[in-house]
Amino acid sequence: MYKILVVEDDATINQVICEFLKEHGYQVKAAVDGKEALNYFEQDCFDLILLDIMLPTVSGLDVLKEIRKTSQVPVMMLTALDDEYTQLVSFNHLISDYVTKPFSPLILMKRIENILRSSITYSEIIIDDLRVSLEDCTVYWKGEKISPTKTEYELIETLAKRKYHLVTREQLMDVIWGYSELDTRVLDNHIKNIRKKIPGIPLVTITGMGYQLGRDD
């Protein structure tokens, strides 16, 4: 299930978008200002971010700039601003789409589907000798195809999307199993199996916190 972060300070618009996304089978997290959006981004992994520009605390453009320091997650700008400068700045920070208000929820949904389809079809993540193909959910180590279980693949993909950054145990359990109240030994056993199948994988344990895929030193 795709997870989408909706960042919109207008409560009515935020609620409408979130409900529409849920009706179409998406998992949704809602933020009402820039600071809250960045907190959610640091705490969780998202497949798409819908981002308003005119936000309290931290502007949408500044949120976008912070996100791009560590992630290439698809971002769609939702805004009433249609001036050339704002659009150019947004696209220079590699947004996937720019939608001006007012907009049709049905058209918005089609744009979201296109972004998610494109991000999966043409994306792969490479970390040292590890290659994770998001197109067909396959994993290669030193050119050799690996056969992880479904859960093992989901763990590898989640860690790869935040490569070189800590992903806590709670975040992993929430993404993979849908809740964080789980015996951590279940997660640790899956990690152990991944290491057995891929000896040498740059999967680092951050003691007492979680895991990181890829070394940043």
N, C-alpha and C. Protein backbone atom coordinates (compact mmCIF):
# COMPACT_ATOMS: atom_id res chain seq x y z
N MET A 1 0.84 -1.19 0.00
CA MET A 1 0.00 0.00 0.00
C MET A 1 0.88 1.25 0.00
N TYR A 2 0.62 2.16 -0.93
CA TYR A 2 1.38 3.40 -0.99
C TYR A 2 1.04 4.30 0.20
N LYS A 3 2.06 4.97 0.73
CA LYS A 3 1.86 5.90 1.84
C LYS A 3 2.14 7.32 1.34
N ILE A 4 1.17 8.21 1.55
CA ILE A 4 1.27 9.57 1.04
C ILE A 4 1.18 10.57 2.20
N LEU A 5 2.07 11.56 2.18
CA LEU A 5 2.03 12.65 3.16
C LEU A 5 1.34 13.85 2.51
N VAL A 6 0.26 14.31 3.12
CA VAL A 6 -0.49 15.47 2.62
C VAL A 6 -0.16 16.66 3.52
N VAL A 7 0.43 17.70 2.94
CA VAL A 7 0.82 18.89 3.70
C VAL A 7 -0.01 20.07 3.19
N GLU A 8 -0.99 20.46 3.96
CA GLU A 8 -1.94 21.51 3.55
C GLU A 8 -2.50 22.17 4.80
N ASP A 9 -2.37 23.51 4.91
CA ASP A 9 -2.81 24.19 6.12
C ASP A 9 -4.30 24.50 6.13
N ASP A 10 -4.96 24.44 4.99
CA ASP A 10 -6.41 24.62 4.95
C ASP A 10 -7.07 23.31 5.38
N ALA A 11 -7.72 23.34 6.54
CA ALA A 11 -8.26 22.11 7.13
C ALA A 11 -9.26 21.42 6.22
N THR A 12 -10.09 22.20 5.54
CA THR A 12 -11.11 21.61 4.67
C THR A 12 -10.47 20.90 3.48
N ILE A 13 -9.54 21.58 2.81
CA ILE A 13 -8.87 20.98 1.66
C ILE A 13 -8.08 19.75 2.09
N ASN A 14 -7.40 19.87 3.23
CA ASN A 14 -6.62 18.75 3.74
C ASN A 14 -7.51 17.53 3.96
N GLN A 15 -8.64 17.74 4.60
CA GLN A 15 -9.54 16.63 4.89
C GLN A 15 -10.11 16.02 3.61
N VAL A 16 -10.48 16.86 2.66
CA VAL A 16 -11.03 16.36 1.39
C VAL A 16 -10.02 15.49 0.67
N ILE A 17 -8.78 15.97 0.57
CA ILE A 17 -7.73 15.20 -0.11
C ILE A 17 -7.48 13.88 0.60
N CYS A 18 -7.36 13.93 1.93
CA CYS A 18 -7.07 12.72 2.69
C CYS A 18 -8.18 11.68 2.54
N GLU A 19 -9.42 12.11 2.65
CA GLU A 19 -10.54 11.17 2.52
C GLU A 19 -10.59 10.57 1.12
N PHE A 20 -10.33 11.40 0.12
CA PHE A 20 -10.36 10.92 -1.26
C PHE A 20 -9.26 9.88 -1.48
N LEU A 21 -8.07 10.15 -0.93
CA LEU A 21 -6.96 9.20 -1.06
C LEU A 21 -7.27 7.88 -0.35
N LYS A 22 -7.84 7.97 0.84
CA LYS A 22 -8.18 6.75 1.59
C LYS A 22 -9.21 5.91 0.83
N GLU A 23 -10.18 6.59 0.22
CA GLU A 23 -11.21 5.88 -0.56
C GLU A 23 -10.59 5.12 -1.73
N HIS A 24 -9.44 5.62 -2.22
CA HIS A 24 -8.77 4.96 -3.34
C HIS A 24 -7.66 4.01 -2.88
N GLY A 25 -7.65 3.69 -1.60
CA GLY A 25 -6.76 2.65 -1.10
C GLY A 25 -5.38 3.09 -0.66
N TYR A 26 -5.17 4.39 -0.51
CA TYR A 26 -3.86 4.87 -0.08
C TYR A 26 -3.82 5.04 1.44
N GLN A 27 -2.64 4.84 2.00
CA GLN A 27 -2.41 5.14 3.41
C GLN A 27 -1.96 6.60 3.50
N VAL A 28 -2.54 7.35 4.41
CA VAL A 28 -2.35 8.80 4.41
C VAL A 28 -1.92 9.32 5.78
N LYS A 29 -1.00 10.28 5.76
CA LYS A 29 -0.62 11.04 6.94
C LYS A 29 -0.81 12.51 6.59
N ALA A 30 -1.43 13.28 7.51
CA ALA A 30 -1.74 14.68 7.23
C ALA A 30 -0.92 15.61 8.11
N ALA A 31 -0.39 16.67 7.52
CA ALA A 31 0.32 17.72 8.24
C ALA A 31 -0.30 19.06 7.88
N VAL A 32 -0.29 20.01 8.84
CA VAL A 32 -0.93 21.30 8.60
C VAL A 32 0.05 22.47 8.56
N ASP A 33 1.33 22.19 8.80
CA ASP A 33 2.33 23.25 8.67
C ASP A 33 3.68 22.63 8.29
N GLY A 34 4.64 23.48 7.93
CA GLY A 34 5.91 23.00 7.43
C GLY A 34 6.72 22.23 8.46
N LYS A 35 6.71 22.70 9.69
CA LYS A 35 7.47 22.03 10.74
C LYS A 35 6.95 20.62 10.99
N GLU A 36 5.63 20.49 11.05
CA GLU A 36 5.02 19.18 11.25
C GLU A 36 5.34 18.26 10.08
N ALA A 37 5.33 18.80 8.87
CA ALA A 37 5.65 18.00 7.68
C ALA A 37 7.06 17.44 7.76
N LEU A 38 8.03 18.26 8.13
CA LEU A 38 9.42 17.80 8.23
C LEU A 38 9.57 16.77 9.34
N ASN A 39 8.84 16.94 10.43
CA ASN A 39 8.90 15.95 11.51
C ASN A 39 8.39 14.60 11.02
N TYR A 40 7.26 14.60 10.32
CA TYR A 40 6.72 13.35 9.78
C TYR A 40 7.69 12.73 8.77
N PHE A 41 8.31 13.57 7.94
CA PHE A 41 9.25 13.08 6.94
C PHE A 41 10.44 12.38 7.58
N GLU A 42 10.93 12.94 8.68
CA GLU A 42 12.06 12.35 9.38
C GLU A 42 11.68 11.06 10.10
N GLN A 43 10.42 10.94 10.48
CA GLN A 43 9.98 9.80 11.27
C GLN A 43 9.49 8.63 10.44
N ASP A 44 9.16 8.87 9.20
CA ASP A 44 8.48 7.83 8.42
C ASP A 44 8.99 7.81 6.99
N CYS A 45 8.55 6.81 6.23
CA CYS A 45 8.92 6.68 4.82
C CYS A 45 7.66 6.83 3.97
N PHE A 46 7.72 7.70 2.98
CA PHE A 46 6.56 7.97 2.14
C PHE A 46 6.88 7.70 0.67
N ASP A 47 5.85 7.33 -0.08
CA ASP A 47 6.00 7.10 -1.52
C ASP A 47 5.73 8.37 -2.32
N LEU A 48 5.03 9.33 -1.72
CA LEU A 48 4.69 10.58 -2.39
C LEU A 48 4.35 11.63 -1.33
N ILE A 49 4.72 12.88 -1.60
CA ILE A 49 4.37 13.99 -0.72
C ILE A 49 3.59 15.03 -1.53
N LEU A 50 2.38 15.37 -1.06
CA LEU A 50 1.60 16.46 -1.64
C LEU A 50 1.86 17.68 -0.78
N LEU A 51 2.43 18.73 -1.36
CA LEU A 51 2.98 19.82 -0.57
C LEU A 51 2.44 21.18 -1.01
N ASP A 52 1.76 21.84 -0.08
CA ASP A 52 1.33 23.23 -0.31
C ASP A 52 2.54 24.15 -0.15
N ILE A 53 2.52 25.31 -0.78
CA ILE A 53 3.66 26.23 -0.68
C ILE A 53 3.46 27.23 0.46
N MET A 54 2.27 27.78 0.57
CA MET A 54 2.02 28.81 1.59
C MET A 54 1.61 28.14 2.90
N LEU A 55 2.64 27.83 3.72
CA LEU A 55 2.42 27.10 4.97
C LEU A 55 2.91 27.90 6.17
N PRO A 56 2.31 27.68 7.33
CA PRO A 56 2.83 28.30 8.56
C PRO A 56 4.15 27.64 8.97
N THR A 57 4.90 28.30 9.80
CA THR A 57 6.17 27.89 10.43
C THR A 57 7.32 27.73 9.44
N VAL A 58 7.15 26.88 8.43
CA VAL A 58 8.17 26.68 7.40
C VAL A 58 7.46 26.64 6.06
N SER A 59 7.91 27.44 5.10
CA SER A 59 7.23 27.49 3.80
C SER A 59 7.38 26.17 3.04
N GLY A 60 6.47 25.93 2.11
CA GLY A 60 6.53 24.72 1.31
C GLY A 60 7.82 24.59 0.53
N LEU A 61 8.32 25.69 -0.01
CA LEU A 61 9.58 25.65 -0.76
C LEU A 61 10.75 25.27 0.14
N ASP A 62 10.74 25.79 1.38
CA ASP A 62 11.81 25.43 2.32
C ASP A 62 11.69 23.97 2.76
N VAL A 63 10.46 23.49 2.90
CA VAL A 63 10.25 22.07 3.20
C VAL A 63 10.82 21.22 2.06
N LEU A 64 10.52 21.62 0.83
CA LEU A 64 11.02 20.89 -0.34
C LEU A 64 12.54 20.86 -0.36
N LYS A 65 13.18 21.99 -0.08
CA LYS A 65 14.64 22.05 -0.08
C LYS A 65 15.23 21.12 0.98
N GLU A 66 14.60 21.07 2.16
CA GLU A 66 15.08 20.18 3.21
C GLU A 66 14.93 18.72 2.82
N ILE A 67 13.80 18.38 2.21
CA ILE A 67 13.56 17.01 1.77
C ILE A 67 14.61 16.58 0.76
N ARG A 68 14.94 17.48 -0.17
CA ARG A 68 15.88 17.13 -1.23
C ARG A 68 17.33 16.97 -0.74
N LYS A 69 17.60 17.36 0.48
CA LYS A 69 18.94 17.15 1.03
C LYS A 69 19.20 15.67 1.29
N THR A 70 18.15 14.89 1.50
CA THR A 70 18.33 13.49 1.86
C THR A 70 17.50 12.51 1.03
N SER A 71 16.56 13.01 0.23
CA SER A 71 15.63 12.08 -0.42
C SER A 71 15.19 12.58 -1.79
N GLN A 72 14.92 11.63 -2.67
CA GLN A 72 14.35 11.92 -3.98
C GLN A 72 12.90 11.44 -4.07
N VAL A 73 12.23 11.37 -2.92
CA VAL A 73 10.83 10.97 -2.91
C VAL A 73 10.03 11.90 -3.83
N PRO A 74 9.10 11.35 -4.61
CA PRO A 74 8.28 12.22 -5.48
C PRO A 74 7.51 13.25 -4.67
N VAL A 75 7.49 14.49 -5.15
CA VAL A 75 6.77 15.59 -4.50
C VAL A 75 5.88 16.27 -5.52
N MET A 76 4.63 16.44 -5.18
CA MET A 76 3.68 17.20 -6.00
C MET A 76 3.33 18.48 -5.24
N MET A 77 3.54 19.62 -5.88
CA MET A 77 3.19 20.89 -5.26
C MET A 77 1.72 21.19 -5.51
N LEU A 78 1.01 21.55 -4.44
CA LEU A 78 -0.40 21.96 -4.53
C LEU A 78 -0.48 23.39 -4.03
N THR A 79 -0.82 24.34 -4.88
CA THR A 79 -0.74 25.73 -4.46
C THR A 79 -1.63 26.64 -5.29
N ALA A 80 -1.95 27.78 -4.72
CA ALA A 80 -2.67 28.81 -5.45
C ALA A 80 -1.72 29.70 -6.24
N LEU A 81 -0.43 29.56 -6.00
CA LEU A 81 0.57 30.38 -6.69
C LEU A 81 0.86 29.81 -8.07
N ASP A 82 0.70 30.63 -9.09
CA ASP A 82 0.95 30.15 -10.45
C ASP A 82 2.00 30.99 -11.17
N ASP A 83 2.79 31.79 -10.41
CA ASP A 83 3.79 32.63 -11.06
C ASP A 83 4.97 31.78 -11.54
N GLU A 84 5.64 32.29 -12.53
CA GLU A 84 6.73 31.55 -13.18
C GLU A 84 7.89 31.27 -12.22
N TYR A 85 8.26 32.26 -11.40
CA TYR A 85 9.40 32.09 -10.50
C TYR A 85 9.19 30.92 -9.54
N THR A 86 8.02 30.87 -8.90
CA THR A 86 7.74 29.81 -7.93
C THR A 86 7.76 28.44 -8.59
N GLN A 87 7.21 28.36 -9.79
CA GLN A 87 7.21 27.09 -10.50
C GLN A 87 8.63 26.67 -10.88
N LEU A 88 9.44 27.63 -11.33
CA LEU A 88 10.82 27.30 -11.71
C LEU A 88 11.63 26.82 -10.51
N VAL A 89 11.48 27.51 -9.38
CA VAL A 89 12.19 27.08 -8.17
C VAL A 89 11.77 25.67 -7.78
N SER A 90 10.48 25.39 -7.88
CA SER A 90 9.97 24.06 -7.53
C SER A 90 10.55 22.99 -8.44
N PHE A 91 10.50 23.23 -9.75
CA PHE A 91 11.01 22.24 -10.69
C PHE A 91 12.53 22.09 -10.60
N ASN A 92 13.21 23.16 -10.23
CA ASN A 92 14.66 23.05 -10.03
C ASN A 92 15.02 22.13 -8.88
N HIS A 93 14.06 21.94 -7.97
CA HIS A 93 14.28 21.00 -6.87
C HIS A 93 13.58 19.66 -7.14
N LEU A 94 13.41 19.39 -8.41
CA LEU A 94 13.01 18.06 -8.89
C LEU A 94 11.65 17.60 -8.39
N ILE A 95 10.66 18.50 -8.44
CA ILE A 95 9.30 18.05 -8.14
C ILE A 95 8.78 17.21 -9.29
N SER A 96 7.76 16.42 -9.01
CA SER A 96 7.17 15.57 -10.04
C SER A 96 6.01 16.23 -10.77
N ASP A 97 5.34 17.17 -10.09
CA ASP A 97 4.20 17.84 -10.72
C ASP A 97 3.89 19.11 -9.94
N TYR A 98 3.19 20.03 -10.59
CA TYR A 98 2.81 21.32 -9.99
C TYR A 98 1.35 21.55 -10.31
N VAL A 99 0.50 21.53 -9.29
CA VAL A 99 -0.95 21.63 -9.48
C VAL A 99 -1.45 22.90 -8.80
N THR A 100 -2.16 23.74 -9.55
CA THR A 100 -2.68 24.98 -8.98
C THR A 100 -4.13 24.79 -8.54
N LYS A 101 -4.48 25.50 -7.46
CA LYS A 101 -5.84 25.48 -6.93
C LYS A 101 -6.69 26.51 -7.67
N PRO A 102 -7.99 26.24 -7.81
CA PRO A 102 -8.69 25.01 -7.43
C PRO A 102 -8.41 23.87 -8.41
N PHE A 103 -8.57 22.65 -7.96
CA PHE A 103 -8.30 21.50 -8.82
C PHE A 103 -9.41 20.46 -8.65
N SER A 104 -9.52 19.60 -9.64
CA SER A 104 -10.50 18.51 -9.60
C SER A 104 -9.89 17.34 -8.84
N PRO A 105 -10.58 16.81 -7.82
CA PRO A 105 -10.06 15.63 -7.11
C PRO A 105 -9.82 14.44 -8.04
N LEU A 106 -10.66 14.27 -9.04
CA LEU A 106 -10.49 13.15 -9.97
C LEU A 106 -9.21 13.32 -10.81
N ILE A 107 -8.97 14.54 -11.29
CA ILE A 107 -7.75 14.80 -12.05
C ILE A 107 -6.52 14.68 -11.15
N LEU A 108 -6.65 15.18 -9.92
CA LEU A 108 -5.55 15.05 -8.96
C LEU A 108 -5.20 13.58 -8.76
N MET A 109 -6.20 12.73 -8.65
CA MET A 109 -5.95 11.30 -8.45
C MET A 109 -5.21 10.69 -9.65
N LYS A 110 -5.57 11.11 -10.85
CA LYS A 110 -4.89 10.59 -12.04
C LYS A 110 -3.43 11.04 -12.06
N ARG A 111 -3.19 12.27 -11.66
CA ARG A 111 -1.81 12.77 -11.59
C ARG A 111 -1.00 11.97 -10.57
N ILE A 112 -1.62 11.68 -9.43
CA ILE A 112 -0.95 10.88 -8.39
C ILE A 112 -0.62 9.49 -8.92
N GLU A 113 -1.58 8.87 -9.58
CA GLU A 113 -1.35 7.53 -10.14
C GLU A 113 -0.20 7.54 -11.14
N ASN A 114 -0.13 8.58 -11.98
CA ASN A 114 0.94 8.67 -12.97
C ASN A 114 2.31 8.82 -12.30
N ILE A 115 2.38 9.64 -11.24
CA ILE A 115 3.64 9.83 -10.53
C ILE A 115 4.11 8.53 -9.90
N LEU A 116 3.20 7.84 -9.22
CA LEU A 116 3.57 6.59 -8.55
C LEU A 116 3.95 5.52 -9.56
N ARG A 117 3.24 5.48 -10.68
CA ARG A 117 3.56 4.50 -11.72
C ARG A 117 4.94 4.77 -12.30
N SER A 118 5.24 6.03 -12.54
CA SER A 118 6.54 6.40 -13.11
C SER A 118 7.68 6.13 -12.14
N SER A 119 7.45 6.42 -10.86
CA SER A 119 8.51 6.24 -9.88
C SER A 119 8.86 4.78 -9.70
N ILE A 120 7.86 3.91 -9.88
CA ILE A 120 8.13 2.48 -9.77
C ILE A 120 8.72 1.93 -11.06
N THR A 121 8.20 2.38 -12.19
CA THR A 121 8.60 1.79 -13.47
C THR A 121 10.05 2.09 -13.81
N TYR A 122 10.53 3.27 -13.47
CA TYR A 122 11.85 3.66 -13.96
C TYR A 122 12.90 3.79 -12.86
N SER A 123 12.57 3.38 -11.65
CA SER A 123 13.49 3.62 -10.54
C SER A 123 14.23 2.38 -10.11
N GLU A 124 15.46 2.59 -9.71
CA GLU A 124 16.21 1.58 -9.00
C GLU A 124 17.15 2.31 -8.05
N ILE A 125 17.50 1.63 -7.00
CA ILE A 125 18.37 2.22 -5.99
C ILE A 125 19.64 1.39 -5.92
N ILE A 126 20.76 2.07 -6.02
CA ILE A 126 22.06 1.38 -5.99
C ILE A 126 22.83 1.86 -4.76
N ILE A 127 23.29 0.90 -3.96
CA ILE A 127 24.10 1.18 -2.78
C ILE A 127 25.27 0.23 -2.79
N ASP A 128 26.45 0.74 -3.12
CA ASP A 128 27.65 -0.10 -3.26
C ASP A 128 27.37 -1.20 -4.29
N ASP A 129 27.46 -2.46 -3.89
CA ASP A 129 27.22 -3.58 -4.82
C ASP A 129 25.78 -4.08 -4.77
N LEU A 130 24.93 -3.36 -4.06
CA LEU A 130 23.53 -3.75 -3.94
C LEU A 130 22.69 -2.93 -4.90
N ARG A 131 21.82 -3.61 -5.66
CA ARG A 131 20.90 -2.92 -6.57
C ARG A 131 19.49 -3.39 -6.28
N VAL A 132 18.62 -2.44 -5.98
CA VAL A 132 17.22 -2.75 -5.68
C VAL A 132 16.37 -2.18 -6.82
N SER A 133 15.74 -3.05 -7.58
CA SER A 133 14.90 -2.63 -8.69
C SER A 133 13.47 -2.48 -8.21
N LEU A 134 12.95 -1.24 -8.22
CA LEU A 134 11.59 -1.00 -7.78
C LEU A 134 10.58 -1.36 -8.87
N GLU A 135 11.07 -1.57 -10.07
CA GLU A 135 10.17 -1.90 -11.18
C GLU A 135 9.58 -3.29 -11.01
N ASP A 136 10.43 -4.27 -10.69
CA ASP A 136 9.94 -5.65 -10.58
C ASP A 136 10.22 -6.26 -9.21
N CYS A 137 10.55 -5.41 -8.24
CA CYS A 137 10.76 -5.87 -6.85
C CYS A 137 11.82 -6.96 -6.76
N THR A 138 12.96 -6.71 -7.38
CA THR A 138 14.06 -7.66 -7.34
C THR A 138 15.29 -7.02 -6.70
N VAL A 139 16.16 -7.88 -6.19
CA VAL A 139 17.37 -7.44 -5.51
C VAL A 139 18.56 -8.16 -6.13
N TYR A 140 19.63 -7.38 -6.42
CA TYR A 140 20.85 -7.94 -6.98
C TYR A 140 22.03 -7.57 -6.08
N TRP A 141 22.89 -8.55 -5.83
CA TRP A 141 24.10 -8.30 -5.06
C TRP A 141 25.31 -8.72 -5.89
N LYS A 142 26.15 -7.78 -6.22
CA LYS A 142 27.32 -8.00 -7.08
C LYS A 142 26.90 -8.65 -8.40
N GLY A 143 25.77 -8.18 -8.92
CA GLY A 143 25.30 -8.66 -10.22
C GLY A 143 24.49 -9.93 -10.17
N GLU A 144 24.43 -10.57 -9.02
CA GLU A 144 23.69 -11.83 -8.90
C GLU A 144 22.33 -11.59 -8.28
N LYS A 145 21.30 -12.16 -8.87
CA LYS A 145 19.94 -11.98 -8.35
C LYS A 145 19.76 -12.73 -7.05
N ILE A 146 19.20 -12.05 -6.07
CA ILE A 146 18.93 -12.63 -4.76
C ILE A 146 17.43 -12.91 -4.65
N SER A 147 17.08 -13.91 -3.84
CA SER A 147 15.67 -14.28 -3.70
C SER A 147 15.20 -14.09 -2.25
N PRO A 148 14.96 -12.84 -1.86
CA PRO A 148 14.43 -12.60 -0.52
C PRO A 148 12.95 -12.95 -0.45
N THR A 149 12.45 -13.18 0.76
CA THR A 149 11.01 -13.34 0.93
C THR A 149 10.34 -11.98 0.73
N LYS A 150 9.01 -11.98 0.69
CA LYS A 150 8.27 -10.73 0.51
C LYS A 150 8.62 -9.73 1.62
N THR A 151 8.63 -10.20 2.85
CA THR A 151 8.93 -9.31 3.97
C THR A 151 10.37 -8.82 3.91
N GLU A 152 11.29 -9.71 3.56
CA GLU A 152 12.70 -9.31 3.45
C GLU A 152 12.88 -8.25 2.37
N TYR A 153 12.18 -8.44 1.23
CA TYR A 153 12.28 -7.42 0.18
C TYR A 153 11.74 -6.08 0.66
N GLU A 154 10.60 -6.11 1.34
CA GLU A 154 10.00 -4.86 1.81
C GLU A 154 10.92 -4.14 2.79
N LEU A 155 11.63 -4.90 3.62
CA LEU A 155 12.59 -4.29 4.54
C LEU A 155 13.75 -3.67 3.77
N ILE A 156 14.28 -4.41 2.79
CA ILE A 156 15.40 -3.89 1.99
C ILE A 156 14.97 -2.64 1.24
N GLU A 157 13.78 -2.66 0.63
CA GLU A 157 13.30 -1.50 -0.13
C GLU A 157 13.12 -0.28 0.78
N THR A 158 12.52 -0.49 1.94
CA THR A 158 12.29 0.62 2.87
C THR A 158 13.61 1.24 3.32
N LEU A 159 14.59 0.40 3.64
CA LEU A 159 15.90 0.91 4.05
C LEU A 159 16.62 1.58 2.88
N ALA A 160 16.45 1.01 1.68
CA ALA A 160 17.13 1.58 0.50
C ALA A 160 16.59 2.97 0.16
N LYS A 161 15.28 3.17 0.36
CA LYS A 161 14.68 4.48 0.06
C LYS A 161 15.22 5.57 0.98
N ARG A 162 15.72 5.18 2.14
CA ARG A 162 16.33 6.14 3.06
C ARG A 162 17.81 5.82 3.24
N LYS A 163 18.47 5.45 2.15
CA LYS A 163 19.86 5.01 2.24
C LYS A 163 20.73 6.06 2.91
N TYR A 164 21.70 5.54 3.67
CA TYR A 164 22.65 6.35 4.44
C TYR A 164 22.00 7.05 5.62
N HIS A 165 20.74 6.73 5.92
CA HIS A 165 20.07 7.36 7.05
C HIS A 165 19.46 6.28 7.95
N LEU A 166 19.45 6.57 9.23
CA LEU A 166 18.86 5.66 10.21
C LEU A 166 17.36 5.52 9.96
N VAL A 167 16.89 4.28 10.00
CA VAL A 167 15.46 3.99 10.03
C VAL A 167 15.23 3.22 11.32
N THR A 168 14.41 3.75 12.19
CA THR A 168 14.23 3.13 13.50
C THR A 168 13.45 1.83 13.39
N ARG A 169 13.55 1.02 14.43
CA ARG A 169 12.79 -0.22 14.47
C ARG A 169 11.29 0.07 14.39
N GLU A 170 10.86 1.11 15.10
CA GLU A 170 9.44 1.46 15.10
C GLU A 170 8.96 1.84 13.70
N GLN A 171 9.77 2.60 12.96
CA GLN A 171 9.40 2.98 11.60
C GLN A 171 9.29 1.76 10.70
N LEU A 172 10.25 0.87 10.81
CA LEU A 172 10.23 -0.34 9.97
C LEU A 172 9.01 -1.20 10.27
N MET A 173 8.73 -1.39 11.55
CA MET A 173 7.59 -2.23 11.91
C MET A 173 6.27 -1.60 11.47
N ASP A 174 6.19 -0.28 11.54
CA ASP A 174 4.97 0.41 11.11
C ASP A 174 4.79 0.29 9.61
N VAL A 175 5.88 0.45 8.84
CA VAL A 175 5.79 0.37 7.38
C VAL A 175 5.48 -1.05 6.92
N ILE A 176 6.15 -2.04 7.50
CA ILE A 176 6.02 -3.42 7.01
C ILE A 176 4.78 -4.11 7.55
N TRP A 177 4.52 -3.95 8.85
CA TRP A 177 3.42 -4.68 9.46
C TRP A 177 2.21 -3.81 9.79
N GLY A 178 2.37 -2.49 9.66
CA GLY A 178 1.24 -1.60 9.88
C GLY A 178 1.08 -1.11 11.30
N TYR A 179 1.96 -1.54 12.20
CA TYR A 179 1.93 -1.04 13.57
C TYR A 179 3.31 -1.26 14.19
N SER A 180 3.64 -0.44 15.17
CA SER A 180 4.97 -0.49 15.77
C SER A 180 5.01 -1.31 17.05
N GLU A 181 3.83 -1.73 17.56
CA GLU A 181 3.79 -2.53 18.78
C GLU A 181 3.96 -4.00 18.41
N LEU A 182 5.20 -4.37 18.16
CA LEU A 182 5.52 -5.73 17.73
C LEU A 182 6.79 -6.16 18.44
N ASP A 183 6.88 -7.45 18.74
CA ASP A 183 8.10 -7.97 19.35
C ASP A 183 9.27 -7.70 18.40
N THR A 184 10.24 -6.92 18.84
CA THR A 184 11.34 -6.54 17.96
C THR A 184 12.17 -7.72 17.50
N ARG A 185 12.05 -8.86 18.19
CA ARG A 185 12.79 -10.05 17.76
C ARG A 185 12.32 -10.54 16.39
N VAL A 186 11.06 -10.28 16.08
CA VAL A 186 10.54 -10.65 14.75
C VAL A 186 11.30 -9.88 13.67
N LEU A 187 11.42 -8.57 13.87
CA LEU A 187 12.17 -7.74 12.92
C LEU A 187 13.63 -8.15 12.87
N ASP A 188 14.25 -8.33 14.02
CA ASP A 188 15.67 -8.68 14.07
C ASP A 188 15.95 -10.01 13.37
N ASN A 189 15.03 -10.96 13.47
CA ASN A 189 15.22 -12.25 12.78
C ASN A 189 15.19 -12.08 11.27
N HIS A 190 14.31 -11.21 10.78
CA HIS A 190 14.28 -10.95 9.34
C HIS A 190 15.59 -10.29 8.89
N ILE A 191 16.09 -9.36 9.68
CA ILE A 191 17.36 -8.70 9.36
C ILE A 191 18.48 -9.73 9.33
N LYS A 192 18.47 -10.65 10.29
CA LYS A 192 19.49 -11.70 10.34
C LYS A 192 19.43 -12.56 9.08
N ASN A 193 18.23 -12.89 8.62
CA ASN A 193 18.08 -13.70 7.41
C ASN A 193 18.58 -12.96 6.18
N ILE A 194 18.33 -11.64 6.13
CA ILE A 194 18.83 -10.84 5.00
C ILE A 194 20.35 -10.89 4.95
N ARG A 195 20.98 -10.76 6.10
CA ARG A 195 22.45 -10.79 6.15
C ARG A 195 23.00 -12.16 5.76
N LYS A 196 22.25 -13.22 6.07
CA LYS A 196 22.69 -14.56 5.66
C LYS A 196 22.61 -14.73 4.14
N LYS A 197 21.55 -14.19 3.55
CA LYS A 197 21.36 -14.32 2.10
C LYS A 197 22.28 -13.40 1.32
N ILE A 198 22.66 -12.27 1.93
CA ILE A 198 23.50 -11.29 1.24
C ILE A 198 24.72 -10.98 2.12
N PRO A 199 25.67 -11.90 2.19
CA PRO A 199 26.86 -11.64 3.01
C PRO A 199 27.61 -10.41 2.48
N GLY A 200 27.92 -9.51 3.36
CA GLY A 200 28.63 -8.29 2.95
C GLY A 200 27.72 -7.12 2.68
N ILE A 201 26.41 -7.30 2.76
CA ILE A 201 25.49 -6.18 2.53
C ILE A 201 25.80 -5.06 3.52
N PRO A 202 25.86 -3.82 3.06
CA PRO A 202 26.22 -2.71 3.96
C PRO A 202 25.05 -2.30 4.85
N LEU A 203 24.58 -3.25 5.65
CA LEU A 203 23.44 -3.05 6.54
C LEU A 203 23.96 -2.89 7.96
N VAL A 204 23.85 -1.67 8.47
CA VAL A 204 24.46 -1.31 9.75
C VAL A 204 23.41 -1.29 10.85
N THR A 205 23.74 -1.90 11.98
CA THR A 205 22.88 -1.82 13.16
C THR A 205 23.27 -0.59 13.98
N ILE A 206 22.30 0.28 14.23
CA ILE A 206 22.51 1.43 15.11
C ILE A 206 21.97 1.01 16.47
N THR A 207 22.86 0.67 17.37
CA THR A 207 22.50 0.05 18.65
C THR A 207 21.42 0.84 19.39
N GLY A 208 20.37 0.11 19.75
CA GLY A 208 19.29 0.70 20.53
C GLY A 208 18.32 1.55 19.73
N MET A 209 18.55 1.67 18.41
CA MET A 209 17.71 2.56 17.61
C MET A 209 17.11 1.86 16.39
N GLY A 210 17.95 1.36 15.50
CA GLY A 210 17.41 0.74 14.29
C GLY A 210 18.52 0.34 13.34
N TYR A 211 18.27 0.56 12.03
CA TYR A 211 19.20 0.08 11.01
C TYR A 211 19.42 1.15 9.96
N GLN A 212 20.56 1.02 9.30
CA GLN A 212 20.92 1.94 8.21
C GLN A 212 21.53 1.13 7.08
N LEU A 213 21.05 1.38 5.86
CA LEU A 213 21.58 0.68 4.69
C LEU A 213 22.53 1.60 3.95
N GLY A 214 23.79 1.22 3.91
CA GLY A 214 24.81 2.05 3.28
C GLY A 214 25.59 2.84 4.32
N ARG A 215 26.87 2.90 4.15
CA ARG A 215 27.71 3.65 5.08
C ARG A 215 27.99 5.03 4.49
N ASP A 216 27.83 6.06 5.31
CA ASP A 216 28.01 7.43 4.83
C ASP A 216 29.39 7.98 5.17
N ASP A 217 30.34 7.10 5.54
CA ASP A 217 31.68 7.59 5.84
C ASP A 217 32.64 7.20 4.74
